[in-house]
């Protein structure tokens, strides 16, 4: 989940470069320039979370569950690493995304002011509409990222304190509510993947154009495969019917020949 948050950060950085340096962006946006930072980020996050390989497991302390192997590891995860996760998952990406969105908004405002006197009124309105749509999308994306990720980190930070409080007071009702809140917080966190797909694609006309082409090709391929299967089935049925007709004709011919032979034998016997 930390990696997906930082991918959104790279998307916002890409928006800044594309908005401020459109000609240079064509030269910068290569496969190498995209994959190298992503691989470096993946290795860095893997190194930070590598400690789970030897601090989590199943032993007598975990009572048959995959959890922290010792009391020291459990305290580290509940009272120290939750803040590291909060910074990597929510705080740092949210700060960078907010700054990037501010720079994108400033760049769009500057571009609108510079082009307002050089373009035709219809073209200017169309460009202004695209800029407003992009700004709204970035703002909504940042707000949804805030609501979808921050509450999960806050939940894990506050969980051990409230758990200790409810266990001490023997408050089973609030303890059950605390455990139940784990499910909706995680569901909302993972919903950001589906929501961001629509938020980013709705403002990209080229994306929808390519998507329609792919869908049309898939539809044509499915239609052609179904038609070929139906034609093959019809040909097989026709061949089976022809074979059955040929077999029936052969049987009828054999029966006629047998009847003629019987007639000839009877006539010969009568003549004798």
Protein backbone atom coordinates (compact mmCIF):
# COMPACT_ATOMS: atom_id res chain seq x y z
CA UNK A 1 0.00 0.00 0.00
CA UNK A 2 2.93 2.34 0.63
CA UNK A 3 4.13 1.72 -2.91
CA UNK A 4 0.74 2.61 -4.40
CA UNK A 5 0.73 5.90 -2.47
CA UNK A 6 4.08 6.85 -3.93
CA UNK A 7 2.94 5.89 -7.42
CA UNK A 8 0.26 8.58 -7.04
CA UNK A 9 3.04 10.98 -6.05
CA UNK A 10 4.85 10.15 -9.30
CA UNK A 11 1.63 10.80 -11.21
CA UNK A 12 1.38 14.27 -9.65
CA UNK A 13 5.04 14.97 -10.48
CA UNK A 14 4.35 13.86 -14.04
CA UNK A 15 1.45 16.33 -14.17
CA UNK A 16 3.77 19.15 -13.08
CA UNK A 17 6.36 18.35 -15.75
CA UNK A 18 3.71 17.95 -18.43
CA UNK A 19 2.03 21.24 -17.51
CA UNK A 20 5.15 23.39 -17.15
CA UNK A 21 7.40 21.77 -19.76
CA UNK A 22 5.18 20.17 -22.44
CA UNK A 23 7.93 19.99 -25.09
CA UNK A 24 10.58 18.70 -22.71
CA UNK A 25 8.11 16.17 -21.32
CA UNK A 26 8.08 14.30 -24.65
CA UNK A 27 11.83 13.74 -24.34
CA UNK A 28 11.77 12.94 -20.61
CA UNK A 29 8.78 10.56 -20.63
CA UNK A 30 10.60 7.41 -21.70
CA UNK A 31 10.32 3.88 -20.35
CA UNK A 32 13.75 4.13 -18.74
CA UNK A 33 13.04 7.43 -17.02
CA UNK A 34 9.78 6.01 -15.65
CA UNK A 35 10.92 2.57 -14.52
CA UNK A 36 14.22 3.51 -12.88
CA UNK A 37 12.69 5.74 -10.14
CA UNK A 38 9.90 3.20 -9.57
CA UNK A 39 12.39 0.36 -9.12
CA UNK A 40 14.53 2.47 -6.75
CA UNK A 41 11.44 3.33 -4.73
CA UNK A 42 10.37 -0.33 -4.62
CA UNK A 43 13.80 -1.42 -3.35
CA UNK A 44 13.80 1.33 -0.70
CA UNK A 45 10.33 0.42 0.61
CA UNK A 46 11.23 -3.27 0.56
CA UNK A 47 14.30 -2.52 2.68
CA UNK A 48 12.24 -0.54 5.20
CA UNK A 49 9.68 -3.35 5.54
CA UNK A 50 12.25 -6.15 5.42
CA UNK A 51 12.20 -6.50 9.22
CA UNK A 52 8.81 -8.25 9.02
CA UNK A 53 10.58 -11.34 7.67
CA UNK A 54 12.19 -12.08 11.05
CA UNK A 55 9.93 -10.19 13.48
CA UNK A 56 6.67 -11.87 12.41
CA UNK A 57 5.87 -15.56 12.62
CA UNK A 58 4.15 -18.31 14.62
CA UNK A 59 5.44 -19.56 17.97
CA UNK A 60 4.24 -20.07 21.55
CA UNK A 61 4.06 -16.31 22.14
CA UNK A 62 1.72 -15.69 19.18
CA UNK A 63 -0.62 -18.53 20.25
CA UNK A 64 -0.86 -20.04 16.79
CA UNK A 65 -1.32 -16.73 14.93
CA UNK A 66 1.09 -14.96 12.60
CA UNK A 67 2.08 -12.01 14.78
CA UNK A 68 5.09 -10.40 16.47
CA UNK A 69 7.36 -13.16 17.75
CA UNK A 70 8.43 -11.46 21.00
CA UNK A 71 7.20 -8.78 23.36
CA UNK A 72 9.93 -6.41 22.17
CA UNK A 73 8.92 -6.83 18.53
CA UNK A 74 5.27 -6.35 19.46
CA UNK A 75 6.04 -3.08 21.27
CA UNK A 76 8.14 -1.91 18.32
CA UNK A 77 5.33 -2.55 15.84
CA UNK A 78 2.58 -1.02 17.98
CA UNK A 79 4.38 2.05 19.33
CA UNK A 80 7.20 2.84 16.87
CA UNK A 81 6.69 1.42 13.39
CA UNK A 82 3.11 2.72 13.16
CA UNK A 83 4.55 6.24 12.94
CA UNK A 84 6.97 5.16 10.21
CA UNK A 85 4.05 3.66 8.32
CA UNK A 86 2.03 6.84 8.84
CA UNK A 87 4.79 8.95 7.28
CA UNK A 88 5.39 6.60 4.35
CA UNK A 89 1.75 5.80 3.66
CA UNK A 90 -0.04 9.09 4.28
CA UNK A 91 1.87 12.11 5.58
CA UNK A 92 4.76 12.40 3.11
CA UNK A 93 2.75 11.45 -0.03
CA UNK A 94 -0.07 13.78 0.97
CA UNK A 95 2.33 16.69 1.53
CA UNK A 96 4.07 16.16 -1.81
CA UNK A 97 0.77 15.71 -3.67
CA UNK A 98 -0.62 18.91 -2.16
CA UNK A 99 2.47 20.89 -3.17
CA UNK A 100 2.34 19.40 -6.67
CA UNK A 101 -1.32 20.28 -7.05
CA UNK A 102 -0.61 23.87 -6.01
CA UNK A 103 2.13 24.13 -8.64
CA UNK A 104 -0.16 22.61 -11.28
CA UNK A 105 -2.89 25.10 -10.41
CA UNK A 106 -0.43 28.01 -10.64
CA UNK A 107 0.88 26.75 -13.99
CA UNK A 108 -2.63 26.36 -15.42
CA UNK A 109 -3.55 29.87 -14.26
CA UNK A 110 -0.42 31.30 -15.91
CA UNK A 111 -1.04 29.41 -19.15
CA UNK A 112 -4.66 30.57 -19.23
CA UNK A 113 -3.59 34.17 -18.76
CA UNK A 114 -0.92 33.96 -21.47
CA UNK A 115 -3.13 32.27 -24.05
CA UNK A 116 -6.28 34.29 -23.43
CA UNK A 117 -5.21 37.02 -25.85
CA UNK A 118 -3.75 34.72 -28.51
CA UNK A 119 -6.53 32.20 -29.08
CA UNK A 120 -9.95 32.30 -30.58
CA UNK A 121 -12.82 32.59 -28.12
CA UNK A 122 -14.10 29.02 -28.73
CA UNK A 123 -10.62 27.51 -28.42
CA UNK A 124 -9.97 29.53 -25.27
CA UNK A 125 -13.19 28.32 -23.67
CA UNK A 126 -12.34 24.72 -24.51
CA UNK A 127 -8.83 25.05 -23.05
CA UNK A 128 -10.18 26.79 -19.96
CA UNK A 129 -12.72 23.97 -19.48
CA UNK A 130 -9.96 21.33 -19.66
CA UNK A 131 -7.84 23.27 -17.15
CA UNK A 132 -10.71 23.63 -14.69
CA UNK A 133 -11.55 19.94 -15.08
CA UNK A 134 -7.95 18.92 -14.41
CA UNK A 135 -7.70 21.18 -11.36
CA UNK A 136 -10.92 19.80 -9.90
CA UNK A 137 -9.75 16.25 -10.50
CA UNK A 138 -6.43 16.84 -8.74
CA UNK A 139 -8.17 18.48 -5.79
CA UNK A 140 -10.71 15.66 -5.44
CA UNK A 141 -7.94 13.08 -5.80
CA UNK A 142 -5.93 14.66 -2.99
CA UNK A 143 -8.94 14.97 -0.68
CA UNK A 144 -9.97 11.37 -1.28
CA UNK A 145 -6.41 10.21 -0.71
CA UNK A 146 -6.46 12.07 2.60
CA UNK A 147 -9.74 10.48 3.72
CA UNK A 148 -8.84 7.00 2.46
CA UNK A 149 -5.36 6.58 3.95
CA UNK A 150 -4.92 8.83 6.97
CA UNK A 151 -7.65 7.20 9.07
CA UNK A 152 -5.98 3.78 8.68
CA UNK A 153 -2.69 5.05 10.07
CA UNK A 154 -4.49 6.90 12.86
CA UNK A 155 -6.42 3.73 13.68
CA UNK A 156 -3.24 1.71 14.10
CA UNK A 157 -1.62 4.47 16.17
CA UNK A 158 -4.57 4.68 18.60
CA UNK A 159 -5.44 0.97 18.60
CA UNK A 160 -3.01 -0.26 21.32
CA UNK A 161 -3.96 2.55 23.72
CA UNK A 162 -7.71 2.02 23.41
CA UNK A 163 -7.28 -1.76 23.49
CA UNK A 164 -5.38 -1.50 26.79
CA UNK A 165 -8.02 0.88 28.16
CA UNK A 166 -10.98 -1.35 27.25
CA UNK A 167 -9.25 -4.49 28.49
CA UNK A 168 -8.47 -2.82 31.81
CA UNK A 169 -12.04 -1.59 32.24
CA UNK A 170 -13.45 -4.90 30.94
CA UNK A 171 -15.50 -2.92 28.40
CA UNK A 172 -16.42 -5.63 25.92
CA UNK A 173 -18.86 -3.45 23.95
CA UNK A 174 -16.34 -0.75 23.00
CA UNK A 175 -13.67 -3.40 22.48
CA UNK A 176 -15.94 -5.11 19.92
CA UNK A 177 -16.52 -1.77 18.18
CA UNK A 178 -12.76 -1.18 18.10
CA UNK A 179 -12.17 -4.56 16.46
CA UNK A 180 -15.06 -4.05 14.03
CA UNK A 181 -13.65 -0.72 12.80
CA UNK A 182 -10.71 -2.57 11.29
CA UNK A 183 -12.79 -3.85 8.33
CA UNK A 184 -14.33 -0.57 7.04
CA UNK A 185 -11.05 1.30 7.44
CA UNK A 186 -9.24 -1.25 5.29
CA UNK A 187 -12.04 -1.36 2.72
CA UNK A 188 -11.95 2.41 2.33
CA UNK A 189 -8.17 2.35 2.05
CA UNK A 190 -8.22 -0.16 -0.82
CA UNK A 191 -11.06 1.67 -2.56
CA UNK A 192 -8.57 4.36 -3.54
CA UNK A 193 -7.24 2.09 -6.31
CA UNK A 194 -10.59 1.88 -8.11
CA UNK A 195 -11.56 5.52 -7.50
CA UNK A 196 -8.24 6.89 -8.75
CA UNK A 197 -8.63 4.95 -11.99
CA UNK A 198 -11.84 6.82 -12.81
CA UNK A 199 -10.59 10.17 -11.52
CA UNK A 200 -7.47 10.10 -13.68
CA UNK A 201 -9.08 8.60 -16.77
CA UNK A 202 -12.07 10.94 -16.92
CA UNK A 203 -9.78 13.88 -17.72
CA UNK A 204 -7.74 12.02 -20.34
CA UNK A 205 -9.51 11.93 -23.70
CA UNK A 206 -6.66 9.95 -25.26
CA UNK A 207 -7.09 7.23 -22.64
CA UNK A 208 -10.79 6.82 -23.43
CA UNK A 209 -10.06 6.78 -27.16
CA UNK A 210 -7.54 3.95 -26.74
CA UNK A 211 -9.87 2.14 -24.35
CA UNK A 212 -12.70 2.22 -26.90
CA UNK A 213 -10.37 0.82 -29.55
CA UNK A 214 -9.33 -2.04 -27.25
CA UNK A 215 -12.94 -2.79 -26.29
CA UNK A 216 -14.07 -2.74 -29.92
CA UNK A 217 -11.27 -5.12 -30.89
CA UNK A 218 -12.16 -7.46 -28.03
CA UNK A 219 -15.83 -7.32 -29.03
CA UNK A 220 -15.03 -8.08 -32.67
CA UNK A 221 -12.72 -10.93 -31.65
CA UNK A 222 -15.38 -12.41 -29.38
CA UNK A 223 -18.02 -12.03 -32.09
CA UNK A 224 -15.81 -13.65 -34.74
CA UNK A 225 -14.90 -16.54 -32.44
CA UNK A 226 -18.57 -17.14 -31.62
CA UNK A 227 -19.53 -17.01 -35.31
CA UNK A 228 -16.72 -19.41 -36.22
CA UNK A 229 -17.77 -21.80 -33.48
CA UNK A 230 -21.40 -21.63 -34.66
CA UNK A 231 -20.34 -22.23 -38.28
CA UNK A 232 -18.18 -25.17 -37.25
CA UNK A 233 -21.06 -26.63 -35.26
CA UNK A 234 -23.44 -26.15 -38.20
CA UNK A 235 -20.94 -27.77 -40.58
CA UNK A 236 -20.49 -30.68 -38.21
CA UNK A 237 -24.27 -31.08 -37.94
CA UNK A 238 -24.63 -30.95 -41.73
CA UNK A 239 -21.88 -33.52 -42.16
CA UNK A 240 -23.52 -35.76 -39.60
CA UNK A 241 -26.88 -35.39 -41.37
CA UNK A 242 -25.29 -36.16 -44.73
CA UNK A 243 -23.56 -39.20 -43.29
CA UNK A 244 -26.84 -40.37 -41.79
CA UNK A 245 -28.63 -39.85 -45.10
CA UNK A 246 -25.91 -41.74 -46.95
CA UNK A 247 -26.11 -44.56 -44.45
CA UNK A 248 -29.91 -44.66 -44.83
CA UNK A 249 -29.60 -44.70 -48.61
CA UNK A 250 -27.05 -47.48 -48.46
CA UNK A 251 -29.30 -49.45 -46.14
CA UNK A 252 -32.27 -48.91 -48.47
CA UNK A 253 -30.23 -50.02 -51.47
CA UNK A 254 -29.06 -53.08 -49.62
CA UNK A 255 -32.65 -53.89 -48.65
CA UNK A 256 -33.82 -53.45 -52.24
CA UNK A 257 -31.04 -55.67 -53.51
CA UNK A 258 -31.92 -58.32 -50.95
CA UNK A 259 -35.60 -58.14 -51.94
CA UNK A 260 -34.74 -58.48 -55.63
CA UNK A 261 -32.54 -61.47 -54.92
CA UNK A 262 -35.34 -63.09 -52.96
CA UNK A 263 -37.76 -62.48 -55.83
CA UNK A 264 -35.40 -64.02 -58.34
CA UNK A 265 -34.88 -67.08 -56.18
CA UNK A 266 -38.63 -67.52 -55.78
CA UNK A 267 -39.20 -67.24 -59.52
CA UNK A 268 -36.54 -69.83 -60.25
CA UNK A 269 -38.06 -72.22 -57.79
CA UNK A 270 -41.52 -71.80 -59.34
CA UNK A 271 -40.17 -72.43 -62.83
CA UNK A 272 -38.53 -75.60 -61.70
